[in-house]
């Protein structure tokens, strides 16, 4: 739609060159036909380099919008982005499109349902009860167990295994909030990209990106009951064990290992070859090549020393109390 029309629909003042808007992109990825936004000051450096047609920004950052990009200035840019996302959200189930295309030697179980424009490569096995949504592509020799759901637009690589009950591409947890406290859904416009040789356990939830992609890179192994939020980037050959939870926009380097029930806050990076012990809570970006534990996270050796010190203090307190009673 025209930028002027879009601005009117979301309640933002518009001044400048009118142009056609085809979608929404990040500051880094947006094209001259897309709308972008800046809400988190962490990404302010990307504003000056954006090629977006227009950017939703607060008054604080309006002066940093580059020449050739229209500044849509508002006190609540994230809220206005949520309103705009509704305008570009795809229909949940296409009524028109091509029937699925299957490569040679595919095996499709009973009750499997397909959306429109699905492309399945050679020797793919999809077991009973699964659903493959519109515009999904699945690479050769991939095995999908029963009752797996793959939402629209997702990409699955070659030789992947996805176990029963897993959902790929469900909406990320994205909501803006009005001053009165109402929640406004940010429609999730991205997808999930799973590269080659990835194995995903049972009953996992991998959310689609809000605007770009959630990416599971080559050779990653994901255990049962893992949640990966929108816009996460899981490095090659990483290992996530049971009940790991990653908040949005977490980035893992290659060969990261996360123990059971460990988790992260959002918008942080874990360096390559880092290990997070079970129930570790990552609240800030950390270097690779080290072993971490505890909450808040710290190097494992420090965590051991801290617990030894606490135990000595506890034993000392108990001993003193016992002496007082005597």
Protein backbone atom coordinates (compact mmCIF):
# COMPACT_ATOMS: atom_id res chain seq x y z
CA UNK A 1 0.00 0.00 0.00
CA UNK A 2 1.01 3.62 -0.28
CA UNK A 3 3.06 4.93 2.63
CA UNK A 4 0.60 7.76 3.19
CA UNK A 5 -2.27 5.26 3.45
CA UNK A 6 -0.31 3.06 5.83
CA UNK A 7 0.53 6.02 8.08
CA UNK A 8 -3.12 7.03 8.18
CA UNK A 9 -4.25 3.52 9.12
CA UNK A 10 -1.82 3.23 12.05
CA UNK A 11 -2.31 6.80 13.25
CA UNK A 12 1.09 8.32 12.50
CA UNK A 13 1.69 11.75 10.98
CA UNK A 14 3.21 11.57 7.49
CA UNK A 15 5.40 14.07 5.71
CA UNK A 16 7.69 13.42 2.77
CA UNK A 17 7.81 11.43 -0.44
CA UNK A 18 4.98 8.97 -0.85
CA UNK A 19 5.88 5.53 -2.13
CA UNK A 20 4.62 1.95 -2.38
CA UNK A 21 5.29 -0.27 0.65
CA UNK A 22 5.47 -4.02 0.03
CA UNK A 23 6.29 -5.27 3.53
CA UNK A 24 8.18 -4.82 6.78
CA UNK A 25 11.90 -5.45 7.33
CA UNK A 26 14.57 -4.99 9.98
CA UNK A 27 16.79 -1.93 9.85
CA UNK A 28 19.54 -4.10 8.39
CA UNK A 29 17.49 -6.05 5.87
CA UNK A 30 14.78 -3.60 4.78
CA UNK A 31 14.65 -2.63 1.10
CA UNK A 32 13.53 0.73 -0.37
CA UNK A 33 10.03 -0.79 -0.62
CA UNK A 34 9.74 -1.78 3.05
CA UNK A 35 8.86 -0.19 6.38
CA UNK A 36 11.22 -0.63 9.34
CA UNK A 37 11.35 0.54 12.96
CA UNK A 38 13.63 1.38 15.87
CA UNK A 39 12.43 0.66 19.38
CA UNK A 40 15.46 -0.86 21.14
CA UNK A 41 18.36 1.64 21.51
CA UNK A 42 20.71 -1.32 21.14
CA UNK A 43 20.11 -1.20 17.39
CA UNK A 44 20.49 2.57 17.01
CA UNK A 45 23.76 2.17 15.09
CA UNK A 46 21.89 0.37 12.32
CA UNK A 47 19.52 3.28 11.79
CA UNK A 48 22.00 5.46 9.90
CA UNK A 49 22.73 2.61 7.45
CA UNK A 50 19.18 1.47 6.75
CA UNK A 51 17.81 1.45 3.22
CA UNK A 52 14.18 1.26 4.32
CA UNK A 53 11.57 3.42 2.64
CA UNK A 54 10.40 4.63 6.04
CA UNK A 55 11.23 4.02 9.69
CA UNK A 56 9.01 4.22 12.74
CA UNK A 57 11.06 6.05 15.38
CA UNK A 58 10.61 7.95 18.62
CA UNK A 59 11.40 11.70 18.61
CA UNK A 60 14.73 10.92 20.29
CA UNK A 61 16.06 9.17 17.17
CA UNK A 62 14.25 11.12 14.44
CA UNK A 63 17.31 13.21 13.57
CA UNK A 64 19.34 10.04 12.88
CA UNK A 65 17.08 8.78 10.09
CA UNK A 66 19.17 8.85 6.88
CA UNK A 67 18.41 11.01 3.88
CA UNK A 68 16.04 9.28 1.48
CA UNK A 69 14.22 7.46 4.29
CA UNK A 70 10.98 8.88 5.64
CA UNK A 71 10.84 9.26 9.42
CA UNK A 72 7.48 8.28 10.88
CA UNK A 73 7.84 9.86 14.30
CA UNK A 74 5.74 8.61 17.18
CA UNK A 75 6.09 8.22 20.96
CA UNK A 76 5.18 4.54 20.65
CA UNK A 77 6.95 3.17 17.54
CA UNK A 78 6.67 -0.48 18.63
CA UNK A 79 2.92 -0.16 19.16
CA UNK A 80 2.50 1.41 15.73
CA UNK A 81 4.60 -1.39 14.23
CA UNK A 82 2.15 -3.88 15.75
CA UNK A 83 -0.71 -2.06 14.05
CA UNK A 84 1.22 -2.10 10.76
CA UNK A 85 2.05 -5.81 11.03
CA UNK A 86 -1.62 -6.70 10.81
CA UNK A 87 -1.80 -5.05 7.39
CA UNK A 88 0.92 -7.32 5.98
CA UNK A 89 0.06 -10.60 7.73
CA UNK A 90 -0.52 -13.49 5.28
CA UNK A 91 -3.81 -15.31 5.28
CA UNK A 92 -3.59 -18.35 7.61
CA UNK A 93 -4.78 -20.76 4.93
CA UNK A 94 -4.51 -20.04 1.22
CA UNK A 95 -7.56 -20.73 -0.88
CA UNK A 96 -5.65 -20.69 -4.16
CA UNK A 97 -2.30 -22.09 -5.21
CA UNK A 98 -0.57 -25.16 -6.60
CA UNK A 99 -0.99 -28.65 -5.23
CA UNK A 100 2.07 -30.22 -3.52
CA UNK A 101 5.01 -31.36 -5.62
CA UNK A 102 6.70 -34.60 -4.51
CA UNK A 103 10.12 -35.93 -5.45
CA UNK A 104 10.84 -39.57 -6.16
CA UNK A 105 10.37 -42.30 -3.53
CA UNK A 106 8.54 -40.16 -0.97
CA UNK A 107 6.45 -41.96 1.65
CA UNK A 108 3.43 -40.08 2.97
CA UNK A 109 1.45 -41.51 5.90
CA UNK A 110 -2.27 -41.60 6.41
CA UNK A 111 -3.97 -38.35 7.30
CA UNK A 112 -1.08 -36.05 6.33
CA UNK A 113 -2.44 -32.71 5.13
CA UNK A 114 -0.74 -30.20 2.87
CA UNK A 115 -1.26 -26.52 2.15
CA UNK A 116 -0.69 -24.82 -1.20
CA UNK A 117 2.64 -24.51 -3.06
CA UNK A 118 4.39 -27.17 -0.95
CA UNK A 119 7.58 -28.67 -2.43
CA UNK A 120 8.83 -32.03 -1.10
CA UNK A 121 12.17 -33.35 -2.37
CA UNK A 122 13.24 -36.96 -2.95
CA UNK A 123 12.91 -39.76 -0.39
CA UNK A 124 11.12 -37.70 2.24
CA UNK A 125 9.06 -39.63 4.80
CA UNK A 126 6.14 -37.91 6.54
CA UNK A 127 4.33 -40.07 9.07
CA UNK A 128 0.59 -40.01 9.85
CA UNK A 129 -1.20 -36.99 11.25
CA UNK A 130 1.31 -34.32 10.26
CA UNK A 131 0.43 -30.98 8.70
CA UNK A 132 2.66 -29.18 6.18
CA UNK A 133 1.53 -25.59 5.64
CA UNK A 134 1.47 -23.30 2.61
CA UNK A 135 4.74 -22.55 0.80
CA UNK A 136 6.80 -25.02 2.87
CA UNK A 137 9.86 -26.64 1.31
CA UNK A 138 11.40 -29.88 2.65
CA UNK A 139 14.78 -31.20 1.54
CA UNK A 140 15.63 -34.75 0.47
CA UNK A 141 15.94 -37.71 2.87
CA UNK A 142 14.19 -35.86 5.71
CA UNK A 143 12.10 -37.87 8.18
CA UNK A 144 9.07 -36.32 9.89
CA UNK A 145 7.42 -38.35 12.65
CA UNK A 146 3.67 -38.37 13.45
CA UNK A 147 1.70 -35.25 14.34
CA UNK A 148 4.37 -32.72 13.44
CA UNK A 149 3.09 -29.30 12.38
CA UNK A 150 5.10 -27.09 10.05
CA UNK A 151 3.57 -23.66 9.55
CA UNK A 152 3.51 -21.69 6.32
CA UNK A 153 6.67 -20.50 4.65
CA UNK A 154 9.15 -22.60 6.65
CA UNK A 155 12.20 -24.29 5.13
CA UNK A 156 13.48 -27.70 6.19
CA UNK A 157 16.86 -28.90 4.92
CA UNK A 158 18.14 -32.29 3.82
CA UNK A 159 18.54 -35.34 6.08
CA UNK A 160 16.69 -33.71 8.97
CA UNK A 161 14.70 -35.62 11.59
CA UNK A 162 11.74 -34.03 13.38
CA UNK A 163 10.12 -36.08 16.12
CA UNK A 164 6.47 -36.41 17.07
CA UNK A 165 4.44 -33.46 18.29
CA UNK A 166 6.93 -30.74 17.39
CA UNK A 167 5.65 -27.45 16.02
CA UNK A 168 7.83 -25.46 13.63
CA UNK A 169 6.86 -21.89 12.78
CA UNK A 170 4.25 -21.05 15.38
CA UNK A 171 3.97 -17.36 16.27
CA UNK A 172 6.64 -15.84 18.44
CA UNK A 173 5.53 -14.15 21.66
CA UNK A 174 5.28 -10.62 20.30
CA UNK A 175 2.95 -8.03 21.82
CA UNK A 176 3.00 -4.28 22.12
CA UNK A 177 1.16 -2.58 24.97
CA UNK A 178 -0.99 0.52 25.04
CA UNK A 179 -0.71 3.11 27.80
CA UNK A 180 -3.93 1.70 29.24
CA UNK A 181 -2.36 -1.75 29.49
CA UNK A 182 -4.06 -3.51 26.57
CA UNK A 183 -2.02 -6.01 24.56
CA UNK A 184 -1.70 -5.57 20.78
CA UNK A 185 -0.48 -8.55 18.77
CA UNK A 186 2.62 -8.10 16.63
CA UNK A 187 1.86 -10.40 13.71
CA UNK A 188 4.87 -12.63 13.05
CA UNK A 189 5.90 -12.13 9.43
CA UNK A 190 9.11 -14.16 9.30
CA UNK A 191 9.65 -17.92 9.07
CA UNK A 192 11.83 -20.75 10.38
CA UNK A 193 14.83 -22.01 8.40
CA UNK A 194 16.22 -25.40 9.44
CA UNK A 195 19.43 -26.28 7.66
CA UNK A 196 20.76 -29.74 6.76
CA UNK A 197 21.39 -32.63 9.19
CA UNK A 198 19.41 -31.18 12.09
CA UNK A 199 17.57 -33.43 14.54
CA UNK A 200 14.73 -32.04 16.64
CA UNK A 201 13.17 -34.00 19.50
CA UNK A 202 9.55 -34.52 20.45
CA UNK A 203 7.17 -31.76 21.53
CA UNK A 204 9.47 -28.85 20.76
CA UNK A 205 8.24 -25.38 19.80
CA UNK A 206 10.30 -23.35 17.35
CA UNK A 207 8.78 -19.92 16.79
CA UNK A 208 8.87 -18.11 13.47
CA UNK A 209 10.75 -14.83 13.23
CA UNK A 210 8.86 -11.62 13.89
CA UNK A 211 10.16 -10.08 10.67
CA UNK A 212 13.21 -12.08 9.57
CA UNK A 213 13.95 -15.81 10.13
CA UNK A 214 14.51 -18.03 13.12
CA UNK A 215 17.48 -20.16 12.04
CA UNK A 216 18.61 -23.62 13.18
CA UNK A 217 21.96 -24.13 11.51
CA UNK A 218 23.56 -27.26 10.11
CA UNK A 219 24.06 -30.25 12.37
CA UNK A 220 22.33 -28.86 15.47
CA UNK A 221 20.77 -31.38 17.86
CA UNK A 222 17.72 -30.41 19.89
CA UNK A 223 16.31 -32.61 22.64
CA UNK A 224 12.65 -33.02 23.65
CA UNK A 225 10.59 -30.17 25.13
CA UNK A 226 12.81 -27.33 23.96
CA UNK A 227 11.45 -23.87 23.21
CA UNK A 228 13.23 -21.59 20.75
CA UNK A 229 11.70 -18.12 20.51
CA UNK A 230 11.41 -15.84 17.51
CA UNK A 231 14.52 -14.62 15.69
CA UNK A 232 16.92 -16.96 17.49
CA UNK A 233 19.97 -18.15 15.58
CA UNK A 234 21.27 -21.56 16.68
CA UNK A 235 24.86 -22.16 15.59
CA UNK A 236 26.12 -25.18 13.67
CA UNK A 237 26.41 -28.42 15.66
CA UNK A 238 25.01 -26.88 18.84
CA UNK A 239 23.33 -29.17 21.38
CA UNK A 240 20.25 -28.12 23.36
CA UNK A 241 19.10 -30.67 25.93
CA UNK A 242 15.66 -31.17 27.49
CA UNK A 243 13.60 -28.18 28.60
CA UNK A 244 16.05 -25.53 27.40
CA UNK A 245 14.31 -22.21 26.76
CA UNK A 246 15.73 -19.44 24.59
CA UNK A 247 14.25 -15.94 24.61
CA UNK A 248 13.85 -13.96 21.41
CA UNK A 249 16.85 -12.92 19.30
CA UNK A 250 19.31 -15.11 21.20
CA UNK A 251 22.31 -15.99 19.03
CA UNK A 252 24.38 -19.12 19.68
CA UNK A 253 27.78 -19.66 18.09
CA UNK A 254 28.71 -23.08 16.74
CA UNK A 255 29.00 -26.09 19.05
CA UNK A 256 27.34 -24.41 22.03
CA UNK A 257 26.06 -26.96 24.57
CA UNK A 258 23.18 -26.09 26.91
CA UNK A 259 22.27 -28.42 29.78
CA UNK A 260 18.76 -29.32 30.88
CA UNK A 261 16.44 -26.51 31.97
CA UNK A 262 19.01 -23.82 31.18
CA UNK A 263 17.81 -20.67 29.48
CA UNK A 264 18.62 -17.20 28.22
CA UNK A 265 17.32 -13.69 28.33
CA UNK A 266 16.70 -12.09 24.92
CA UNK A 267 18.96 -10.17 22.54
CA UNK A 268 22.25 -11.71 23.67
CA UNK A 269 25.03 -13.83 22.21
CA UNK A 270 26.73 -16.99 23.46
CA UNK A 271 30.16 -17.51 21.93
CA UNK A 272 31.17 -20.66 20.07
CA UNK A 273 32.08 -23.80 22.04
CA UNK A 274 30.57 -22.44 25.27
CA UNK A 275 28.92 -24.91 27.66
CA UNK A 276 26.03 -23.93 29.95
CA UNK A 277 25.45 -26.33 32.86
CA UNK A 278 21.96 -27.53 33.75
CA UNK A 279 19.63 -24.78 35.04
CA UNK A 280 22.12 -22.09 34.10
CA UNK A 281 20.53 -18.68 33.53
CA UNK A 282 22.25 -16.57 30.86
CA UNK A 283 21.38 -12.90 31.44
CA UNK A 284 24.10 -11.25 29.35
CA UNK A 285 26.30 -12.08 26.36
CA UNK A 286 29.16 -14.43 27.23
CA UNK A 287 32.43 -15.51 25.63
CA UNK A 288 32.86 -18.83 23.92
CA UNK A 289 35.20 -21.66 24.85
CA UNK A 290 34.28 -21.68 28.55
CA UNK A 291 32.02 -23.63 30.91
CA UNK A 292 29.35 -21.66 32.79
CA UNK A 293 26.86 -22.43 35.56
CA UNK A 294 24.43 -20.83 37.99
CA UNK A 295 22.05 -17.91 37.99
CA UNK A 296 23.05 -15.31 37.16
CA UNK A 297 25.53 -17.13 34.98
CA UNK A 298 29.22 -17.27 35.94
CA UNK A 299 32.19 -19.42 35.07
CA UNK A 300 31.73 -22.94 36.42
CA UNK A 301 34.83 -22.83 38.67
CA UNK A 302 33.60 -19.65 40.35
CA UNK A 303 30.18 -21.22 40.80
CA UNK A 304 31.75 -24.24 42.54
CA UNK A 305 33.78 -21.98 44.85
CA UNK A 306 30.70 -19.89 45.64
CA UNK A 307 28.68 -22.95 46.60
CA UNK A 308 31.54 -24.31 48.72
CA UNK A 309 31.75 -20.97 50.55
CA UNK A 310 27.99 -20.88 51.12
CA UNK A 311 28.08 -24.42 52.49
CA UNK A 312 30.89 -23.53 54.92
CA UNK A 313 28.95 -20.46 56.08
CA UNK A 314 25.82 -22.57 56.57
CA UNK A 315 27.66 -25.25 58.52
CA UNK A 316 29.31 -22.59 60.67
CA UNK A 317 25.96 -20.97 61.45
CA UNK A 318 24.43 -24.34 62.39
CA UNK A 319 27.42 -25.14 64.61
CA UNK A 320 27.22 -21.78 66.43
CA UNK A 321 23.48 -22.17 66.98
CA UNK A 322 24.04 -25.65 68.42
CA UNK A 323 26.65 -24.28 70.87
CA UNK A 324 24.28 -21.53 72.03
CA UNK A 325 21.62 -24.12 72.90
CA UNK A 326 24.10 -26.01 75.07
